[in-house]
Amino acid sequence: MWFWRGPAPWHFVTVTGEQAAAIEHASSMVTYGWGMIPVSATLGATEWATSLWPKDGDYLIPLKTAVRRAEGVDLGDVVTVRLVLGAV
């Protein structure tokens, strides 16, 4: 997990490699514009609706504060997030 300090600061997890390639392959069937892909995400026991953001061949998963707190994760932690593409 990492932190982006931009004008609207946020925490993210990056999906890379084979997983990013599989998402790219399915993206045309599920995107709703600008390459954003709606997903149901699960981290530990916490599930939430969000969208993947394409970035340089990878995908970013935004992590809400409530999710981070519920699962006790912090900057630099390596986490596993289960994704269901196209689910809302």
PDB file of N, CA and C in Angstrom:
ATOM      1  N   MET A   1       0.848  -1.162   0.000  1.00  0.00           N
ATOM      2  CA  MET A   1       0.000   0.000   0.000  1.00  0.00           C
ATOM      3  C   MET A   1       0.898   1.231   0.000  1.00  0.00           C
ATOM      4  N   TRP A   2       0.480   2.224  -0.761  1.00  0.00           N
ATOM      5  CA  TRP A   2       1.269   3.448  -0.844  1.00  0.00           C
ATOM      6  C   TRP A   2       0.349   4.663  -0.826  1.00  0.00           C
ATOM      7  N   PHE A   3       0.930   5.819  -0.594  1.00  0.00           N
ATOM      8  CA  PHE A   3       0.186   7.069  -0.427  1.00  0.00           C
ATOM      9  C   PHE A   3       0.527   8.032  -1.546  1.00  0.00           C
ATOM     10  N   TRP A   4      -0.505   8.603  -2.159  1.00  0.00           N
ATOM     11  CA  TRP A   4      -0.319   9.643  -3.170  1.00  0.00           C
ATOM     12  C   TRP A   4      -0.670  10.975  -2.533  1.00  0.00           C
ATOM     13  N   ARG A   5       0.266  11.916  -2.544  1.00  0.00           N
ATOM     14  CA  ARG A   5       0.087  13.201  -1.863  1.00  0.00           C
ATOM     15  C   ARG A   5      -0.625  14.250  -2.699  1.00  0.00           C
ATOM     16  N   GLY A   6      -1.002  13.968  -3.908  1.00  0.00           N
ATOM     17  CA  GLY A   6      -1.577  14.953  -4.818  1.00  0.00           C
ATOM     18  C   GLY A   6      -2.597  15.883  -4.195  1.00  0.00           C
ATOM     19  N   PRO A   7      -3.276  16.671  -5.025  1.00  0.00           N
ATOM     20  CA  PRO A   7      -4.247  17.638  -4.520  1.00  0.00           C
ATOM     21  C   PRO A   7      -5.408  16.961  -3.778  1.00  0.00           C
ATOM     22  N   ALA A   8      -5.635  15.694  -4.070  1.00  0.00           N
ATOM     23  CA  ALA A   8      -6.633  14.900  -3.345  1.00  0.00           C
ATOM     24  C   ALA A   8      -5.915  13.648  -2.847  1.00  0.00           C
ATOM     25  N   PRO A   9      -5.243  13.714  -1.694  1.00  0.00           N
ATOM     26  CA  PRO A   9      -4.433  12.592  -1.211  1.00  0.00           C
ATOM     27  C   PRO A   9      -5.253  11.310  -1.027  1.00  0.00           C
ATOM     28  N   TRP A  10      -4.626  10.169  -1.320  1.00  0.00           N
ATOM     29  CA  TRP A  10      -5.327   8.896  -1.243  1.00  0.00           C
ATOM     30  C   TRP A  10      -4.322   7.765  -1.089  1.00  0.00           C
ATOM     31  N   HIS A  11      -4.777   6.632  -0.549  1.00  0.00           N
ATOM     32  CA  HIS A  11      -3.965   5.420  -0.438  1.00  0.00           C
ATOM     33  C   HIS A  11      -4.354   4.453  -1.556  1.00  0.00           C
ATOM     34  N   PHE A  12      -3.346   3.748  -2.096  1.00  0.00           N
ATOM     35  CA  PHE A  12      -3.578   2.821  -3.206  1.00  0.00           C
ATOM     36  C   PHE A  12      -2.817   1.518  -3.014  1.00  0.00           C
ATOM     37  N   VAL A  13      -3.294   0.495  -3.703  1.00  0.00           N
ATOM     38  CA  VAL A  13      -2.575  -0.754  -3.927  1.00  0.00           C
ATOM     39  C   VAL A  13      -2.443  -0.861  -5.441  1.00  0.00           C
ATOM     40  N   THR A  14      -1.282  -1.277  -5.933  1.00  0.00           N
ATOM     41  CA  THR A  14      -1.052  -1.398  -7.375  1.00  0.00           C
ATOM     42  C   THR A  14      -1.157  -2.854  -7.802  1.00  0.00           C
ATOM     43  N   VAL A  15      -1.930  -3.089  -8.874  1.00  0.00           N
ATOM     44  CA  VAL A  15      -2.036  -4.416  -9.487  1.00  0.00           C
ATOM     45  C   VAL A  15      -1.099  -4.416 -10.686  1.00  0.00           C
ATOM     46  N   THR A  16      -0.163  -5.370 -10.726  1.00  0.00           N
ATOM     47  CA  THR A  16       0.854  -5.410 -11.784  1.00  0.00           C
ATOM     48  C   THR A  16       0.902  -6.788 -12.438  1.00  0.00           C
ATOM     49  N   GLY A  17       1.786  -6.919 -13.397  1.00  0.00           N
ATOM     50  CA  GLY A  17       2.119  -8.222 -13.980  1.00  0.00           C
ATOM     51  C   GLY A  17       0.951  -8.957 -14.616  1.00  0.00           C
ATOM     52  N   GLU A  18       0.888 -10.267 -14.369  1.00  0.00           N
ATOM     53  CA  GLU A  18      -0.131 -11.117 -14.984  1.00  0.00           C
ATOM     54  C   GLU A  18      -1.539 -10.693 -14.608  1.00  0.00           C
ATOM     55  N   GLN A  19      -1.721 -10.248 -13.357  1.00  0.00           N
ATOM     56  CA  GLN A  19      -3.047  -9.820 -12.928  1.00  0.00           C
ATOM     57  C   GLN A  19      -3.484  -8.575 -13.698  1.00  0.00           C
ATOM     58  N   ALA A  20      -2.573  -7.623 -13.886  1.00  0.00           N
ATOM     59  CA  ALA A  20      -2.899  -6.415 -14.650  1.00  0.00           C
ATOM     60  C   ALA A  20      -3.207  -6.770 -16.108  1.00  0.00           C
ATOM     61  N   ALA A  21      -2.465  -7.713 -16.673  1.00  0.00           N
ATOM     62  CA  ALA A  21      -2.706  -8.140 -18.060  1.00  0.00           C
ATOM     63  C   ALA A  21      -4.080  -8.792 -18.190  1.00  0.00           C
ATOM     64  N   ALA A  22      -4.477  -9.590 -17.205  1.00  0.00           N
ATOM     65  CA  ALA A  22      -5.795 -10.229 -17.240  1.00  0.00           C
ATOM     66  C   ALA A  22      -6.903  -9.189 -17.135  1.00  0.00           C
ATOM     67  N   ILE A  23      -6.697  -8.183 -16.300  1.00  0.00           N
ATOM     68  CA  ILE A  23      -7.690  -7.106 -16.190  1.00  0.00           C
ATOM     69  C   ILE A  23      -7.780  -6.346 -17.500  1.00  0.00           C
ATOM     70  N   GLU A  24      -6.633  -6.032 -18.101  1.00  0.00           N
ATOM     71  CA  GLU A  24      -6.615  -5.333 -19.390  1.00  0.00           C
ATOM     72  C   GLU A  24      -7.393  -6.112 -20.444  1.00  0.00           C
ATOM     73  N   HIS A  25      -7.203  -7.423 -20.447  1.00  0.00           N
ATOM     74  CA  HIS A  25      -7.888  -8.280 -21.415  1.00  0.00           C
ATOM     75  C   HIS A  25      -9.419  -8.179 -21.269  1.00  0.00           C
ATOM     76  N   ALA A  26      -9.902  -8.066 -20.048  1.00  0.00           N
ATOM     77  CA  ALA A  26     -11.349  -8.007 -19.789  1.00  0.00           C
ATOM     78  C   ALA A  26     -11.894  -6.582 -19.769  1.00  0.00           C
ATOM     79  N   SER A  27     -11.028  -5.597 -19.781  1.00  0.00           N
ATOM     80  CA  SER A  27     -11.446  -4.214 -19.548  1.00  0.00           C
ATOM     81  C   SER A  27     -12.491  -3.691 -20.531  1.00  0.00           C
ATOM     82  N   SER A  28     -12.403  -4.052 -21.796  1.00  0.00           N
ATOM     83  CA  SER A  28     -13.358  -3.519 -22.772  1.00  0.00           C
ATOM     84  C   SER A  28     -14.786  -3.972 -22.500  1.00  0.00           C
ATOM     85  N   MET A  29     -14.945  -5.071 -21.769  1.00  0.00           N
ATOM     86  CA  MET A  29     -16.286  -5.576 -21.467  1.00  0.00           C
ATOM     87  C   MET A  29     -16.887  -4.949 -20.210  1.00  0.00           C
ATOM     88  N   VAL A  30     -16.055  -4.314 -19.379  1.00  0.00           N
ATOM     89  CA  VAL A  30     -16.563  -3.834 -18.099  1.00  0.00           C
ATOM     90  C   VAL A  30     -16.312  -2.355 -17.814  1.00  0.00           C
ATOM     91  N   THR A  31     -15.499  -1.674 -18.605  1.00  0.00           N
ATOM     92  CA  THR A  31     -15.187  -0.278 -18.313  1.00  0.00           C
ATOM     93  C   THR A  31     -16.405   0.616 -18.513  1.00  0.00           C
ATOM     94  N   TYR A  32     -16.465   1.682 -17.733  1.00  0.00           N
ATOM     95  CA  TYR A  32     -17.560   2.637 -17.906  1.00  0.00           C
ATOM     96  C   TYR A  32     -17.057   3.982 -18.405  1.00  0.00           C
ATOM     97  N   GLY A  33     -15.844   4.049 -18.858  1.00  0.00           N
ATOM     98  CA  GLY A  33     -15.297   5.279 -19.424  1.00  0.00           C
ATOM     99  C   GLY A  33     -13.961   5.615 -18.806  1.00  0.00           C
ATOM    100  N   TRP A  34     -13.111   6.292 -19.554  1.00  0.00           N
ATOM    101  CA  TRP A  34     -11.768   6.695 -19.138  1.00  0.00           C
ATOM    102  C   TRP A  34     -10.948   5.516 -18.653  1.00  0.00           C
ATOM    103  N   GLY A  35     -11.350   4.293 -18.995  1.00  0.00           N
ATOM    104  CA  GLY A  35     -10.613   3.111 -18.586  1.00  0.00           C
ATOM    105  C   GLY A  35     -10.911   2.651 -17.172  1.00  0.00           C
ATOM    106  N   MET A  36     -11.803   3.354 -16.485  1.00  0.00           N
ATOM    107  CA  MET A  36     -12.171   2.977 -15.113  1.00  0.00           C
ATOM    108  C   MET A  36     -12.966   1.675 -15.149  1.00  0.00           C
ATOM    109  N   ILE A  37     -12.671   0.775 -14.219  1.00  0.00           N
ATOM    110  CA  ILE A  37     -13.311  -0.539 -14.188  1.00  0.00           C
ATOM    111  C   ILE A  37     -13.984  -0.740 -12.832  1.00  0.00           C
ATOM    112  N   PRO A  38     -15.313  -0.862 -12.809  1.00  0.00           N
ATOM    113  CA  PRO A  38     -15.988  -1.093 -11.535  1.00  0.00           C
ATOM    114  C   PRO A  38     -15.658  -2.480 -10.997  1.00  0.00           C
ATOM    115  N   VAL A  39     -15.415  -2.563  -9.684  1.00  0.00           N
ATOM    116  CA  VAL A  39     -15.087  -3.837  -9.052  1.00  0.00           C
ATOM    117  C   VAL A  39     -15.719  -3.919  -7.672  1.00  0.00           C
ATOM    118  N   SER A  40     -15.886  -5.147  -7.238  1.00  0.00           N
ATOM    119  CA  SER A  40     -16.135  -5.431  -5.834  1.00  0.00           C
ATOM    120  C   SER A  40     -14.788  -5.878  -5.297  1.00  0.00           C
ATOM    121  N   ALA A  41     -14.299  -5.192  -4.270  1.00  0.00           N
ATOM    122  CA  ALA A  41     -12.984  -5.487  -3.704  1.00  0.00           C
ATOM    123  C   ALA A  41     -13.147  -6.035  -2.295  1.00  0.00           C
ATOM    124  N   THR A  42     -12.301  -7.004  -1.939  1.00  0.00           N
ATOM    125  CA  THR A  42     -12.307  -7.563  -0.586  1.00  0.00           C
ATOM    126  C   THR A  42     -10.878  -7.604  -0.063  1.00  0.00           C
ATOM    127  N   LEU A  43     -10.691  -7.021   1.098  1.00  0.00           N
ATOM    128  CA  LEU A  43      -9.423  -7.057   1.811  1.00  0.00           C
ATOM    129  C   LEU A  43      -9.729  -7.615   3.187  1.00  0.00           C
ATOM    130  N   GLY A  44      -9.204  -8.786   3.479  1.00  0.00           N
ATOM    131  CA  GLY A  44      -9.534  -9.436   4.751  1.00  0.00           C
ATOM    132  C   GLY A  44     -11.023  -9.727   4.808  1.00  0.00           C
ATOM    133  N   ALA A  45     -11.697  -9.209   5.824  1.00  0.00           N
ATOM    134  CA  ALA A  45     -13.138  -9.419   5.983  1.00  0.00           C
ATOM    135  C   ALA A  45     -13.957  -8.236   5.461  1.00  0.00           C
ATOM    136  N   THR A  46     -13.272  -7.232   4.886  1.00  0.00           N
ATOM    137  CA  THR A  46     -13.948  -6.014   4.450  1.00  0.00           C
ATOM    138  C   THR A  46     -14.161  -6.027   2.935  1.00  0.00           C
ATOM    139  N   GLU A  47     -15.399  -5.812   2.517  1.00  0.00           N
ATOM    140  CA  GLU A  47     -15.743  -5.741   1.088  1.00  0.00           C
ATOM    141  C   GLU A  47     -16.306  -4.357   0.801  1.00  0.00           C
ATOM    142  N   TRP A  48     -15.934  -3.813  -0.362  1.00  0.00           N
ATOM    143  CA  TRP A  48     -16.455  -2.508  -0.755  1.00  0.00           C
ATOM    144  C   TRP A  48     -16.491  -2.407  -2.274  1.00  0.00           C
ATOM    145  N   ALA A  49     -17.315  -1.486  -2.764  1.00  0.00           N
ATOM    146  CA  ALA A  49     -17.408  -1.213  -4.204  1.00  0.00           C
ATOM    147  C   ALA A  49     -16.457  -0.062  -4.519  1.00  0.00           C
ATOM    148  N   THR A  50     -15.695  -0.218  -5.606  1.00  0.00           N
ATOM    149  CA  THR A  50     -14.762   0.825  -6.027  1.00  0.00           C
ATOM    150  C   THR A  50     -14.521   0.677  -7.524  1.00  0.00           C
ATOM    151  N   SER A  51     -13.554   1.396  -8.039  1.00  0.00           N
ATOM    152  CA  SER A  51     -13.159   1.275  -9.439  1.00  0.00           C
ATOM    153  C   SER A  51     -11.654   1.214  -9.530  1.00  0.00           C
ATOM    154  N   LEU A  52     -11.168   0.403 -10.465  1.00  0.00           N
ATOM    155  CA  LEU A  52      -9.733   0.348 -10.749  1.00  0.00           C
ATOM    156  C   LEU A  52      -9.384   1.510 -11.665  1.00  0.00           C
ATOM    157  N   TRP A  53      -8.239   2.103 -11.429  1.00  0.00           N
ATOM    158  CA  TRP A  53      -7.744   3.204 -12.235  1.00  0.00           C
ATOM    159  C   TRP A  53      -6.566   2.711 -13.059  1.00  0.00           C
ATOM    160  N   PRO A  54      -6.629   2.811 -14.396  1.00  0.00           N
ATOM    161  CA  PRO A  54      -5.475   2.401 -15.196  1.00  0.00           C
ATOM    162  C   PRO A  54      -4.322   3.387 -15.028  1.00  0.00           C
ATOM    163  N   LYS A  55      -3.095   2.842 -14.945  1.00  0.00           N
ATOM    164  CA  LYS A  55      -1.913   3.703 -14.792  1.00  0.00           C
ATOM    165  C   LYS A  55      -0.685   2.993 -15.341  1.00  0.00           C
ATOM    166  N   ASP A  56      -0.230   3.419 -16.507  1.00  0.00           N
ATOM    167  CA  ASP A  56       1.019   2.922 -17.097  1.00  0.00           C
ATOM    168  C   ASP A  56       1.051   1.398 -17.233  1.00  0.00           C
ATOM    169  N   GLY A  57      -0.051   0.797 -17.668  1.00  0.00           N
ATOM    170  CA  GLY A  57      -0.108  -0.654 -17.856  1.00  0.00           C
ATOM    171  C   GLY A  57      -0.465  -1.429 -16.600  1.00  0.00           C
ATOM    172  N   ASP A  58      -0.546  -0.757 -15.479  1.00  0.00           N
ATOM    173  CA  ASP A  58      -0.969  -1.370 -14.220  1.00  0.00           C
ATOM    174  C   ASP A  58      -2.348  -0.835 -13.867  1.00  0.00           C
ATOM    175  N   TYR A  59      -2.867  -1.244 -12.721  1.00  0.00           N
ATOM    176  CA  TYR A  59      -4.150  -0.734 -12.229  1.00  0.00           C
ATOM    177  C   TYR A  59      -4.007  -0.377 -10.760  1.00  0.00           C
ATOM    178  N   LEU A  60      -4.648   0.712 -10.378  1.00  0.00           N
ATOM    179  CA  LEU A  60      -4.607   1.170  -8.998  1.00  0.00           C
ATOM    180  C   LEU A  60      -5.940   0.875  -8.323  1.00  0.00           C
ATOM    181  N   ILE A  61      -5.851   0.372  -7.084  1.00  0.00           N
ATOM    182  CA  ILE A  61      -7.030   0.131  -6.269  1.00  0.00           C
ATOM    183  C   ILE A  61      -7.011   1.174  -5.154  1.00  0.00           C
ATOM    184  N   PRO A  62      -7.979   2.098  -5.135  1.00  0.00           N
ATOM    185  CA  PRO A  62      -8.028   3.053  -4.033  1.00  0.00           C
ATOM    186  C   PRO A  62      -8.527   2.375  -2.763  1.00  0.00           C
ATOM    187  N   LEU A  63      -7.857   2.647  -1.639  1.00  0.00           N
ATOM    188  CA  LEU A  63      -8.250   2.062  -0.352  1.00  0.00           C
ATOM    189  C   LEU A  63      -8.819   3.148   0.553  1.00  0.00           C
ATOM    190  N   LYS A  64     -10.089   3.012   0.876  1.00  0.00           N
ATOM    191  CA  LYS A  64     -10.754   3.969   1.755  1.00  0.00           C
ATOM    192  C   LYS A  64     -10.175   3.883   3.168  1.00  0.00           C
ATOM    193  N   THR A  65     -10.259   4.984   3.889  1.00  0.00           N
ATOM    194  CA  THR A  65      -9.802   5.024   5.276  1.00  0.00           C
ATOM    195  C   THR A  65     -10.511   3.961   6.106  1.00  0.00           C
ATOM    196  N   ALA A  66     -11.816   3.813   5.911  1.00  0.00           N
ATOM    197  CA  ALA A  66     -12.579   2.827   6.691  1.00  0.00           C
ATOM    198  C   ALA A  66     -12.065   1.407   6.461  1.00  0.00           C
ATOM    199  N   VAL A  67     -11.671   1.095   5.241  1.00  0.00           N
ATOM    200  CA  VAL A  67     -11.129  -0.234   4.923  1.00  0.00           C
ATOM    201  C   VAL A  67      -9.780  -0.419   5.606  1.00  0.00           C
ATOM    202  N   ARG A  68      -8.907   0.574   5.490  1.00  0.00           N
ATOM    203  CA  ARG A  68      -7.581   0.485   6.107  1.00  0.00           C
ATOM    204  C   ARG A  68      -7.687   0.310   7.616  1.00  0.00           C
ATOM    205  N   ARG A  69      -8.560   1.058   8.234  1.00  0.00           N
ATOM    206  CA  ARG A  69      -8.735   0.958   9.689  1.00  0.00           C
ATOM    207  C   ARG A  69      -9.322  -0.387  10.089  1.00  0.00           C
ATOM    208  N   ALA A  70     -10.354  -0.833   9.370  1.00  0.00           N
ATOM    209  CA  ALA A  70     -11.009  -2.105   9.705  1.00  0.00           C
ATOM    210  C   ALA A  70     -10.045  -3.274   9.618  1.00  0.00           C
ATOM    211  N   GLU A  71      -9.092  -3.209   8.670  1.00  0.00           N
ATOM    212  CA  GLU A  71      -8.164  -4.320   8.455  1.00  0.00           C
ATOM    213  C   GLU A  71      -6.789  -4.079   9.082  1.00  0.00           C
ATOM    214  N   GLY A  72      -6.594  -2.916   9.687  1.00  0.00           N
ATOM    215  CA  GLY A  72      -5.332  -2.639  10.372  1.00  0.00           C
ATOM    216  C   GLY A  72      -4.130  -2.583   9.457  1.00  0.00           C
ATOM    217  N   VAL A  73      -4.300  -2.037   8.251  1.00  0.00           N
ATOM    218  CA  VAL A  73      -3.174  -1.941   7.316  1.00  0.00           C
ATOM    219  C   VAL A  73      -2.646  -0.517   7.287  1.00  0.00           C
ATOM    220  N   ASP A  74      -1.355  -0.395   6.982  1.00  0.00           N
ATOM    221  CA  ASP A  74      -0.707   0.905   6.972  1.00  0.00           C
ATOM    222  C   ASP A  74       0.257   0.996   5.795  1.00  0.00           C
ATOM    223  N   LEU A  75       0.817   2.170   5.595  1.00  0.00           N
ATOM    224  CA  LEU A  75       1.744   2.412   4.485  1.00  0.00           C
ATOM    225  C   LEU A  75       2.833   1.358   4.438  1.00  0.00           C
ATOM    226  N   GLY A  76       3.107   0.884   3.234  1.00  0.00           N
ATOM    227  CA  GLY A  76       4.170  -0.082   3.027  1.00  0.00           C
ATOM    228  C   GLY A  76       3.759  -1.523   3.250  1.00  0.00           C
ATOM    229  N   ASP A  77       2.585  -1.753   3.841  1.00  0.00           N
ATOM    230  CA  ASP A  77       2.125  -3.129   4.050  1.00  0.00           C
ATOM    231  C   ASP A  77       1.857  -3.798   2.706  1.00  0.00           C
ATOM    232  N   VAL A  78       2.180  -5.070   2.622  1.00  0.00           N
ATOM    233  CA  VAL A  78       1.848  -5.869   1.443  1.00  0.00           C
ATOM    234  C   VAL A  78       0.511  -6.537   1.745  1.00  0.00           C
ATOM    235  N   VAL A  79      -0.464  -6.298   0.880  1.00  0.00           N
ATOM    236  CA  VAL A  79      -1.811  -6.818   1.115  1.00  0.00           C
ATOM    237  C   VAL A  79      -2.293  -7.610  -0.093  1.00  0.00           C
ATOM    238  N   THR A  80      -3.280  -8.455   0.144  1.00  0.00           N
ATOM    239  CA  THR A  80      -3.937  -9.182  -0.939  1.00  0.00           C
ATOM    240  C   THR A  80      -5.373  -8.698  -1.009  1.00  0.00           C
ATOM    241  N   VAL A  81      -5.758  -8.222  -2.192  1.00  0.00           N
ATOM    242  CA  VAL A  81      -7.113  -7.733  -2.414  1.00  0.00           C
ATOM    243  C   VAL A  81      -7.764  -8.630  -3.468  1.00  0.00           C
ATOM    244  N   ARG A  82      -8.920  -9.194  -3.139  1.00  0.00           N
ATOM    245  CA  ARG A  82      -9.684  -9.992  -4.090  1.00  0.00           C
ATOM    246  C   ARG A  82     -10.586  -9.063  -4.872  1.00  0.00           C
ATOM    247  N   LEU A  83     -10.593  -9.192  -6.204  1.00  0.00           N
ATOM    248  CA  LEU A  83     -11.389  -8.316  -7.072  1.00  0.00           C
ATOM    249  C   LEU A  83     -12.370  -9.125  -7.898  1.00  0.00           C
ATOM    250  N   VAL A  84     -13.581  -8.596  -8.027  1.00  0.00           N
ATOM    251  CA  VAL A  84     -14.566  -9.144  -8.949  1.00  0.00           C
ATOM    252  C   VAL A  84     -14.856  -8.024  -9.939  1.00  0.00           C
ATOM    253  N   LEU A  85     -14.406  -8.191 -11.178  1.00  0.00           N
ATOM    254  CA  LEU A  85     -14.566  -7.146 -12.191  1.00  0.00           C
ATOM    255  C   LEU A  85     -16.015  -6.980 -12.596  1.00  0.00           C
ATOM    256  N   GLY A  86     -16.409  -5.729 -12.823  1.00  0.00           N
ATOM    257  CA  GLY A  86     -17.738  -5.434 -13.308  1.00  0.00           C
ATOM    258  C   GLY A  86     -18.812  -5.471 -12.232  1.00  0.00           C
ATOM    259  N   ALA A  87     -18.463  -5.867 -11.033  1.00  0.00           N
ATOM    260  CA  ALA A  87     -19.436  -5.935  -9.942  1.00  0.00           C
ATOM    261  C   ALA A  87     -19.528  -4.578  -9.259  1.00  0.00           C
ATOM    262  N   VAL A  88     -20.711  -4.257  -8.820  1.00  0.00           N
ATOM    263  CA  VAL A  88     -20.879  -2.990  -8.103  1.00  0.00           C
ATOM    264  C   VAL A  88     -21.624  -3.240  -6.830  1.00  0.00           C
TER     265      VAL A  88
END
